[in-house]
């Protein structure tokens, strides 16, 4: 199944990526992740992928 046809998810407060990995293992495509802690973001990148940003989720939400 291509990423285009998979259900999508975003991971707020992603920490090390456990929820994202669970979504991926059940067939979701994680499009975006965010965490405030720089070490959590580094760990997420190593565990899951590069689609993570370091930011306060509340400030990201207010930009939409």
C-alpha atoms as a PDB file:
ATOM      1  CA  UNK A   1       0.000   0.000   0.000  1.00  0.00           C
ATOM      2  CA  UNK A   2       1.455   3.375  -0.941  1.00  0.00           C
ATOM      3  CA  UNK A   3       1.700   6.215   1.561  1.00  0.00           C
ATOM      4  CA  UNK A   4      -0.978   8.122  -0.373  1.00  0.00           C
ATOM      5  CA  UNK A   5      -3.648   5.495   0.301  1.00  0.00           C
ATOM      6  CA  UNK A   6      -2.791   4.879   3.971  1.00  0.00           C
ATOM      7  CA  UNK A   7      -4.657   6.644   6.764  1.00  0.00           C
ATOM      8  CA  UNK A   8      -2.557   9.481   8.179  1.00  0.00           C
ATOM      9  CA  UNK A   9      -1.662  10.579  11.701  1.00  0.00           C
ATOM     10  CA  UNK A  10       0.185  13.416  13.409  1.00  0.00           C
ATOM     11  CA  UNK A  11       2.049  12.898  16.677  1.00  0.00           C
ATOM     12  CA  UNK A  12       1.916  15.787  19.150  1.00  0.00           C
ATOM     13  CA  UNK A  13       4.161  15.351  22.218  1.00  0.00           C
ATOM     14  CA  UNK A  14       5.974  12.590  20.300  1.00  0.00           C
ATOM     15  CA  UNK A  15       8.844  12.005  22.789  1.00  0.00           C
ATOM     16  CA  UNK A  16      10.867   9.033  21.450  1.00  0.00           C
ATOM     17  CA  UNK A  17       8.315   7.876  18.856  1.00  0.00           C
ATOM     18  CA  UNK A  18       6.479   4.985  20.509  1.00  0.00           C
ATOM     19  CA  UNK A  19       3.006   6.108  19.434  1.00  0.00           C
ATOM     20  CA  UNK A  20       4.220   6.842  15.896  1.00  0.00           C
ATOM     21  CA  UNK A  21       5.820   3.397  15.638  1.00  0.00           C
ATOM     22  CA  UNK A  22       2.536   1.866  16.782  1.00  0.00           C
ATOM     23  CA  UNK A  23       0.647   3.810  14.118  1.00  0.00           C
ATOM     24  CA  UNK A  24       3.162   2.782  11.448  1.00  0.00           C
ATOM     25  CA  UNK A  25       2.966  -0.887  12.475  1.00  0.00           C
ATOM     26  CA  UNK A  26      -0.834  -0.787  12.122  1.00  0.00           C
ATOM     27  CA  UNK A  27      -0.710   0.706   8.636  1.00  0.00           C
ATOM     28  CA  UNK A  28      -0.802   4.464   9.186  1.00  0.00           C
ATOM     29  CA  UNK A  29       1.440   7.030   7.533  1.00  0.00           C
ATOM     30  CA  UNK A  30       2.762   9.494  10.149  1.00  0.00           C
ATOM     31  CA  UNK A  31       3.069  12.812   8.348  1.00  0.00           C
ATOM     32  CA  UNK A  32       4.273  15.046  11.166  1.00  0.00           C
ATOM     33  CA  UNK A  33       5.530  14.937  14.752  1.00  0.00           C
ATOM     34  CA  UNK A  34       6.393  17.552  17.337  1.00  0.00           C
ATOM     35  CA  UNK A  35       8.018  17.757  20.757  1.00  0.00           C
ATOM     36  CA  UNK A  36       9.391  20.590  22.865  1.00  0.00           C
ATOM     37  CA  UNK A  37      12.447  18.680  24.127  1.00  0.00           C
ATOM     38  CA  UNK A  38      15.463  18.692  21.799  1.00  0.00           C
ATOM     39  CA  UNK A  39      16.684  15.302  23.056  1.00  0.00           C
ATOM     40  CA  UNK A  40      13.275  13.764  22.433  1.00  0.00           C
ATOM     41  CA  UNK A  41      13.348  15.136  18.868  1.00  0.00           C
ATOM     42  CA  UNK A  42      16.826  13.676  18.277  1.00  0.00           C
ATOM     43  CA  UNK A  43      15.688  10.287  19.585  1.00  0.00           C
ATOM     44  CA  UNK A  44      12.530  10.402  17.473  1.00  0.00           C
ATOM     45  CA  UNK A  45      14.613  11.080  14.348  1.00  0.00           C
ATOM     46  CA  UNK A  46      16.744   8.030  15.084  1.00  0.00           C
ATOM     47  CA  UNK A  47      13.772   5.777  15.900  1.00  0.00           C
ATOM     48  CA  UNK A  48      11.152   6.889  13.384  1.00  0.00           C
ATOM     49  CA  UNK A  49      12.182   9.488  10.823  1.00  0.00           C
ATOM     50  CA  UNK A  50      12.968  13.055   9.902  1.00  0.00           C
ATOM     51  CA  UNK A  51       9.393  14.386   9.841  1.00  0.00           C
ATOM     52  CA  UNK A  52       9.676  15.778  13.389  1.00  0.00           C
ATOM     53  CA  UNK A  53      10.128  19.369  14.546  1.00  0.00           C
ATOM     54  CA  UNK A  54      11.196  20.840  17.869  1.00  0.00           C
ATOM     55  CA  UNK A  55       8.485  23.249  18.974  1.00  0.00           C
ATOM     56  CA  UNK A  56       5.865  23.889  21.605  1.00  0.00           C
ATOM     57  CA  UNK A  57       2.697  22.163  20.384  1.00  0.00           C
ATOM     58  CA  UNK A  58       0.539  25.051  21.556  1.00  0.00           C
ATOM     59  CA  UNK A  59       2.490  27.577  19.504  1.00  0.00           C
ATOM     60  CA  UNK A  60       2.378  25.324  16.432  1.00  0.00           C
ATOM     61  CA  UNK A  61      -1.370  24.915  16.811  1.00  0.00           C
ATOM     62  CA  UNK A  62      -1.932  28.669  17.100  1.00  0.00           C
ATOM     63  CA  UNK A  63      -0.275  29.191  13.701  1.00  0.00           C
ATOM     64  CA  UNK A  64      -3.024  27.269  11.876  1.00  0.00           C
END
